[in-house]
All heavy atoms as atom14 arrays in JSON, in Angstrom:
{
  "sequence": "SATFDSIAWVKEQPVGLESPFTATADESVQQV",
  "atom14_mask": [
    [1, 1, 1, 1, 1, 1, 0, 0, 0, 0, 0, 0, 0, 0],
    [1, 1, 1, 1, 1, 0, 0, 0, 0, 0, 0, 0, 0, 0],
    [1, 1, 1, 1, 1, 1, 1, 0, 0, 0, 0, 0, 0, 0],
    [1, 1, 1, 1, 1, 1, 1, 1, 1, 1, 1, 0, 0, 0],
    [1, 1, 1, 1, 1, 1, 1, 1, 0, 0, 0, 0, 0, 0],
    [1, 1, 1, 1, 1, 1, 0, 0, 0, 0, 0, 0, 0, 0],
    [1, 1, 1, 1, 1, 1, 1, 1, 0, 0, 0, 0, 0, 0],
    [1, 1, 1, 1, 1, 0, 0, 0, 0, 0, 0, 0, 0, 0],
    [1, 1, 1, 1, 1, 1, 1, 1, 1, 1, 1, 1, 1, 1],
    [1, 1, 1, 1, 1, 1, 1, 0, 0, 0, 0, 0, 0, 0],
    [1, 1, 1, 1, 1, 1, 1, 1, 1, 0, 0, 0, 0, 0],
    [1, 1, 1, 1, 1, 1, 1, 1, 1, 0, 0, 0, 0, 0],
    [1, 1, 1, 1, 1, 1, 1, 1, 1, 0, 0, 0, 0, 0],
    [1, 1, 1, 1, 1, 1, 1, 0, 0, 0, 0, 0, 0, 0],
    [1, 1, 1, 1, 1, 1, 1, 0, 0, 0, 0, 0, 0, 0],
    [1, 1, 1, 1, 0, 0, 0, 0, 0, 0, 0, 0, 0, 0],
    [1, 1, 1, 1, 1, 1, 1, 1, 0, 0, 0, 0, 0, 0],
    [1, 1, 1, 1, 1, 1, 1, 1, 1, 0, 0, 0, 0, 0],
    [1, 1, 1, 1, 1, 1, 0, 0, 0, 0, 0, 0, 0, 0],
    [1, 1, 1, 1, 1, 1, 1, 0, 0, 0, 0, 0, 0, 0],
    [1, 1, 1, 1, 1, 1, 1, 1, 1, 1, 1, 0, 0, 0],
    [1, 1, 1, 1, 1, 1, 1, 0, 0, 0, 0, 0, 0, 0],
    [1, 1, 1, 1, 1, 0, 0, 0, 0, 0, 0, 0, 0, 0],
    [1, 1, 1, 1, 1, 1, 1, 0, 0, 0, 0, 0, 0, 0],
    [1, 1, 1, 1, 1, 0, 0, 0, 0, 0, 0, 0, 0, 0],
    [1, 1, 1, 1, 1, 1, 1, 1, 0, 0, 0, 0, 0, 0],
    [1, 1, 1, 1, 1, 1, 1, 1, 1, 0, 0, 0, 0, 0],
    [1, 1, 1, 1, 1, 1, 0, 0, 0, 0, 0, 0, 0, 0],
    [1, 1, 1, 1, 1, 1, 1, 0, 0, 0, 0, 0, 0, 0],
    [1, 1, 1, 1, 1, 1, 1, 1, 1, 0, 0, 0, 0, 0],
    [1, 1, 1, 1, 1, 1, 1, 1, 1, 0, 0, 0, 0, 0],
    [1, 1, 1, 1, 1, 1, 1, 0, 0, 0, 0, 0, 0, 0]
  ],
  "atom14_positions": [
    [[0.84, -1.2, 0.0], [0.0, 0.0, 0.0], [0.87, 1.25, 0.0], [0.56, 2.24, -0.7], [-0.94, 0.0, 1.21], [-0.2, 0.01, 2.42], [0.0, 0.0, 0.0], [0.0, 0.0, 0.0], [0.0, 0.0, 0.0], [0.0, 0.0, 0.0], [0.0, 0.0, 0.0], [0.0, 0.0, 0.0], [0.0, 0.0, 0.0], [0.0, 0.0, 0.0]],
    [[1.98, 1.25, 0.76], [2.88, 2.4, 0.77], [3.56, 2.56, -0.58], [3.74, 3.69, -1.07], [3.92, 2.23, 1.88], [0.0, 0.0, 0.0], [0.0, 0.0, 0.0], [0.0, 0.0, 0.0], [0.0, 0.0, 0.0], [0.0, 0.0, 0.0], [0.0, 0.0, 0.0], [0.0, 0.0, 0.0], [0.0, 0.0, 0.0], [0.0, 0.0, 0.0]],
    [[3.92, 1.44, -1.21], [4.54, 1.51, -2.53], [3.55, 2.03, -3.56], [3.9, 2.85, -4.41], [5.07, 0.13, -2.95], [5.99, -0.33, -1.96], [5.78, 0.21, -4.29], [0.0, 0.0, 0.0], [0.0, 0.0, 0.0], [0.0, 0.0, 0.0], [0.0, 0.0, 0.0], [0.0, 0.0, 0.0], [0.0, 0.0, 0.0], [0.0, 0.0, 0.0]],
    [[2.32, 1.55, -3.52], [1.29, 2.04, -4.43], [1.09, 3.55, -4.26], [0.94, 4.29, -5.24], [-0.04, 1.32, -4.19], [-0.03, -0.14, -4.54], [-1.04, -0.98, -4.1], [0.99, -0.7, -5.31], [-1.05, -2.32, -4.41], [1.0, -2.05, -5.62], [-0.02, -2.85, -5.18], [0.0, 0.0, 0.0], [0.0, 0.0, 0.0], [0.0, 0.0, 0.0]],
    [[1.09, 4.01, -3.0], [0.93, 5.44, -2.74], [2.1, 6.22, -3.33], [1.91, 7.33, -3.88], [0.84, 5.7, -1.24], [-0.47, 5.23, -0.63], [-1.43, 4.98, -1.39], [-0.53, 5.11, 0.61], [0.0, 0.0, 0.0], [0.0, 0.0, 0.0], [0.0, 0.0, 0.0], [0.0, 0.0, 0.0], [0.0, 0.0, 0.0], [0.0, 0.0, 0.0]],
    [[3.31, 5.67, -3.23], [4.5, 6.35, -3.78], [4.41, 6.46, -5.29], [4.7, 7.51, -5.87], [5.77, 5.59, -3.38], [5.99, 5.66, -1.99], [0.0, 0.0, 0.0], [0.0, 0.0, 0.0], [0.0, 0.0, 0.0], [0.0, 0.0, 0.0], [0.0, 0.0, 0.0], [0.0, 0.0, 0.0], [0.0, 0.0, 0.0], [0.0, 0.0, 0.0]],
    [[4.01, 5.37, -5.94], [3.86, 5.4, -7.4], [2.82, 6.44, -7.8], [3.03, 7.25, -8.71], [3.46, 4.01, -7.93], [4.58, 2.99, -7.68], [3.15, 4.08, -9.43], [4.17, 1.55, -7.97], [0.0, 0.0, 0.0], [0.0, 0.0, 0.0], [0.0, 0.0, 0.0], [0.0, 0.0, 0.0], [0.0, 0.0, 0.0], [0.0, 0.0, 0.0]],
    [[1.69, 6.43, -7.1], [0.61, 7.37, -7.42], [1.07, 8.81, -7.24], [0.75, 9.69, -8.06], [-0.61, 7.09, -6.54], [0.0, 0.0, 0.0], [0.0, 0.0, 0.0], [0.0, 0.0, 0.0], [0.0, 0.0, 0.0], [0.0, 0.0, 0.0], [0.0, 0.0, 0.0], [0.0, 0.0, 0.0], [0.0, 0.0, 0.0], [0.0, 0.0, 0.0]],
    [[1.86, 9.07, -6.19], [2.33, 10.44, -5.94], [3.24, 10.9, -7.08], [3.12, 12.02, -7.56], [3.07, 10.5, -4.61], [3.35, 11.9, -4.13], [2.53, 12.69, -3.37], [4.52, 12.68, -4.42], [3.13, 13.92, -3.15], [4.35, 13.94, -3.78], [5.68, 12.46, -5.14], [5.3, 14.95, -3.84], [6.64, 13.47, -5.21], [6.45, 14.7, -4.56]],
    [[4.14, 10.02, -7.51], [5.04, 10.37, -8.62], [4.22, 10.68, -9.87], [4.47, 11.67, -10.58], [6.03, 9.23, -8.9], [6.83, 9.5, -10.18], [6.98, 9.04, -7.72], [0.0, 0.0, 0.0], [0.0, 0.0, 0.0], [0.0, 0.0, 0.0], [0.0, 0.0, 0.0], [0.0, 0.0, 0.0], [0.0, 0.0, 0.0], [0.0, 0.0, 0.0]],
    [[3.23, 9.86, -10.16], [2.44, 10.03, -11.37], [1.59, 11.32, -11.34], [1.22, 11.83, -12.4], [1.52, 8.82, -11.58], [2.25, 7.51, -11.78], [3.07, 7.5, -13.06], [3.76, 6.18, -13.28], [4.56, 6.16, -14.53], [0.0, 0.0, 0.0], [0.0, 0.0, 0.0], [0.0, 0.0, 0.0], [0.0, 0.0, 0.0], [0.0, 0.0, 0.0]],
    [[1.3, 11.81, -10.14], [0.49, 13.03, -10.01], [1.31, 14.31, -10.12], [0.73, 15.4, -10.21], [-0.23, 13.02, -8.66], [-1.31, 11.96, -8.53], [-1.76, 11.78, -7.09], [-1.17, 12.46, -6.2], [-2.66, 10.97, -6.84], [0.0, 0.0, 0.0], [0.0, 0.0, 0.0], [0.0, 0.0, 0.0], [0.0, 0.0, 0.0], [0.0, 0.0, 0.0]],
    [[2.63, 14.2, -10.1], [3.47, 15.39, -10.05], [3.54, 16.11, -11.39], [3.44, 15.5, -12.45], [4.86, 15.03, -9.57], [4.9, 14.5, -8.16], [4.13, 15.39, -7.2], [4.49, 16.54, -6.96], [3.05, 14.85, -6.64], [0.0, 0.0, 0.0], [0.0, 0.0, 0.0], [0.0, 0.0, 0.0], [0.0, 0.0, 0.0], [0.0, 0.0, 0.0]],
    [[3.74, 17.45, -11.35], [3.84, 18.21, -12.6], [5.09, 17.85, -13.37], [6.1, 17.46, -12.79], [3.89, 19.66, -12.11], [4.44, 19.58, -10.71], [3.89, 18.3, -10.16], [0.0, 0.0, 0.0], [0.0, 0.0, 0.0], [0.0, 0.0, 0.0], [0.0, 0.0, 0.0], [0.0, 0.0, 0.0], [0.0, 0.0, 0.0], [0.0, 0.0, 0.0]],
    [[5.01, 17.99, -14.69], [6.15, 17.68, -15.56], [6.97, 18.94, -15.84], [8.2, 18.93, -15.75], [5.67, 17.05, -16.87], [6.83, 16.87, -17.85], [5.0, 15.71, -16.6], [0.0, 0.0, 0.0], [0.0, 0.0, 0.0], [0.0, 0.0, 0.0], [0.0, 0.0, 0.0], [0.0, 0.0, 0.0], [0.0, 0.0, 0.0], [0.0, 0.0, 0.0]],
    [[6.31, 20.04, -16.14], [7.02, 21.26, -16.49], [7.35, 22.15, -15.32], [8.08, 23.13, -15.46], [0.0, 0.0, 0.0], [0.0, 0.0, 0.0], [0.0, 0.0, 0.0], [0.0, 0.0, 0.0], [0.0, 0.0, 0.0], [0.0, 0.0, 0.0], [0.0, 0.0, 0.0], [0.0, 0.0, 0.0], [0.0, 0.0, 0.0], [0.0, 0.0, 0.0]],
    [[6.82, 21.85, -14.15], [7.07, 22.62, -12.93], [7.7, 21.71, -11.89], [7.72, 20.49, -12.04], [5.76, 23.19, -12.38], [4.95, 24.07, -13.31], [3.57, 24.34, -12.72], [5.69, 25.38, -13.58], [0.0, 0.0, 0.0], [0.0, 0.0, 0.0], [0.0, 0.0, 0.0], [0.0, 0.0, 0.0], [0.0, 0.0, 0.0], [0.0, 0.0, 0.0]],
    [[8.22, 22.31, -10.83], [8.79, 21.52, -9.75], [7.72, 21.16, -8.72], [6.74, 21.89, -8.55], [9.92, 22.3, -9.08], [11.14, 22.47, -9.97], [11.47, 23.93, -10.25], [12.2, 24.53, -9.43], [10.99, 24.46, -11.26], [0.0, 0.0, 0.0], [0.0, 0.0, 0.0], [0.0, 0.0, 0.0], [0.0, 0.0, 0.0], [0.0, 0.0, 0.0]],
    [[7.91, 20.05, -8.04], [6.99, 19.65, -6.98], [7.19, 20.57, -5.78], [8.32, 20.75, -5.32], [7.25, 18.2, -6.56], [7.07, 17.32, -7.65], [0.0, 0.0, 0.0], [0.0, 0.0, 0.0], [0.0, 0.0, 0.0], [0.0, 0.0, 0.0], [0.0, 0.0, 0.0], [0.0, 0.0, 0.0], [0.0, 0.0, 0.0], [0.0, 0.0, 0.0]],
    [[6.13, 21.15, -5.25], [6.29, 22.11, -4.16], [6.61, 21.43, -2.83], [6.15, 20.32, -2.55], [4.93, 22.79, -4.1], [3.96, 21.78, -4.63], [4.72, 21.0, -5.68], [0.0, 0.0, 0.0], [0.0, 0.0, 0.0], [0.0, 0.0, 0.0], [0.0, 0.0, 0.0], [0.0, 0.0, 0.0], [0.0, 0.0, 0.0], [0.0, 0.0, 0.0]],
    [[7.41, 22.11, -2.01], [7.53, 21.76, -0.6], [6.43, 22.5, 0.13], [6.3, 23.73, 0.0], [8.9, 22.19, -0.05], [10.03, 21.28, -0.44], [10.76, 21.54, -1.59], [10.35, 20.17, 0.32], [11.81, 20.7, -1.96], [11.39, 19.34, -0.04], [12.13, 19.6, -1.18], [0.0, 0.0, 0.0], [0.0, 0.0, 0.0], [0.0, 0.0, 0.0]],
    [[5.63, 21.77, 0.89], [4.48, 22.39, 1.54], [4.54, 22.19, 3.05], [5.21, 21.28, 3.55], [3.16, 21.8, 1.01], [3.12, 20.4, 1.28], [3.02, 22.03, -0.49], [0.0, 0.0, 0.0], [0.0, 0.0, 0.0], [0.0, 0.0, 0.0], [0.0, 0.0, 0.0], [0.0, 0.0, 0.0], [0.0, 0.0, 0.0], [0.0, 0.0, 0.0]],
    [[3.82, 23.06, 3.74], [3.66, 22.95, 5.18], [2.33, 23.57, 5.55], [1.82, 24.45, 4.84], [4.79, 23.66, 5.91], [0.0, 0.0, 0.0], [0.0, 0.0, 0.0], [0.0, 0.0, 0.0], [0.0, 0.0, 0.0], [0.0, 0.0, 0.0], [0.0, 0.0, 0.0], [0.0, 0.0, 0.0], [0.0, 0.0, 0.0], [0.0, 0.0, 0.0]],
    [[1.75, 23.12, 6.64], [0.54, 23.77, 7.13], [0.95, 25.01, 7.92], [2.06, 25.1, 8.45], [-0.27, 22.83, 8.04], [0.54, 22.45, 9.16], [-0.69, 21.59, 7.27], [0.0, 0.0, 0.0], [0.0, 0.0, 0.0], [0.0, 0.0, 0.0], [0.0, 0.0, 0.0], [0.0, 0.0, 0.0], [0.0, 0.0, 0.0], [0.0, 0.0, 0.0]],
    [[0.05, 25.96, 8.0], [0.36, 27.24, 8.65], [0.76, 27.07, 10.1], [1.53, 27.88, 10.64], [-0.84, 28.17, 8.52], [0.0, 0.0, 0.0], [0.0, 0.0, 0.0], [0.0, 0.0, 0.0], [0.0, 0.0, 0.0], [0.0, 0.0, 0.0], [0.0, 0.0, 0.0], [0.0, 0.0, 0.0], [0.0, 0.0, 0.0], [0.0, 0.0, 0.0]],
    [[0.27, 26.02, 10.76], [0.55, 25.83, 12.19], [1.86, 25.1, 12.47], [2.27, 25.01, 13.63], [-0.6, 25.06, 12.86], [-1.86, 25.91, 13.0], [-1.71, 27.15, 13.11], [-2.96, 25.35, 12.98], [0.0, 0.0, 0.0], [0.0, 0.0, 0.0], [0.0, 0.0, 0.0], [0.0, 0.0, 0.0], [0.0, 0.0, 0.0], [0.0, 0.0, 0.0]],
    [[2.5, 24.59, 11.44], [3.78, 23.92, 11.69], [4.84, 24.93, 12.12], [4.82, 26.09, 11.71], [4.26, 23.2, 10.43], [3.56, 21.9, 10.14], [4.24, 21.11, 9.03], [5.25, 20.42, 9.31], [3.78, 21.2, 7.88], [0.0, 0.0, 0.0], [0.0, 0.0, 0.0], [0.0, 0.0, 0.0], [0.0, 0.0, 0.0], [0.0, 0.0, 0.0]],
    [[5.77, 24.46, 12.94], [6.84, 25.34, 13.4], [7.98, 25.37, 12.39], [8.14, 24.46, 11.57], [7.36, 24.87, 14.76], [8.08, 23.64, 14.61], [0.0, 0.0, 0.0], [0.0, 0.0, 0.0], [0.0, 0.0, 0.0], [0.0, 0.0, 0.0], [0.0, 0.0, 0.0], [0.0, 0.0, 0.0], [0.0, 0.0, 0.0], [0.0, 0.0, 0.0]],
    [[8.79, 26.4, 12.49], [9.98, 26.5, 11.64], [10.88, 25.3, 11.86], [11.44, 24.74, 10.91], [10.72, 27.82, 11.95], [12.1, 27.83, 11.32], [9.91, 29.01, 11.47], [0.0, 0.0, 0.0], [0.0, 0.0, 0.0], [0.0, 0.0, 0.0], [0.0, 0.0, 0.0], [0.0, 0.0, 0.0], [0.0, 0.0, 0.0], [0.0, 0.0, 0.0]],
    [[11.02, 24.89, 13.12], [11.88, 23.74, 13.43], [11.4, 22.48, 12.71], [12.21, 21.71, 12.2], [11.89, 23.52, 14.94], [12.84, 22.42, 15.4], [12.89, 22.33, 16.92], [11.92, 22.65, 17.61], [14.02, 21.9, 17.45], [0.0, 0.0, 0.0], [0.0, 0.0, 0.0], [0.0, 0.0, 0.0], [0.0, 0.0, 0.0], [0.0, 0.0, 0.0]],
    [[10.11, 22.27, 12.66], [9.56, 21.09, 11.97], [9.85, 21.15, 10.47], [10.23, 20.15, 9.87], [8.05, 21.0, 12.22], [7.66, 20.6, 13.62], [6.15, 20.67, 13.82], [5.52, 21.7, 13.56], [5.57, 19.58, 14.28], [0.0, 0.0, 0.0], [0.0, 0.0, 0.0], [0.0, 0.0, 0.0], [0.0, 0.0, 0.0], [0.0, 0.0, 0.0]],
    [[9.67, 22.31, 9.87], [9.88, 22.43, 8.43], [11.35, 22.27, 8.06], [11.68, 21.67, 7.03], [9.34, 23.79, 7.94], [9.66, 24.0, 6.46], [7.83, 23.87, 8.17], [0.0, 0.0, 0.0], [0.0, 0.0, 0.0], [0.0, 0.0, 0.0], [0.0, 0.0, 0.0], [0.0, 0.0, 0.0], [0.0, 0.0, 0.0], [0.0, 0.0, 0.0]]
  ]
}
């Protein structure tokens, strides 16, 4: 299931743009 999720994530990523690094607003700087 984890491998299937990894494959799906790769397939969903943009081709001409970079994949964004994201964080929720409540995360701390240390966590990011």
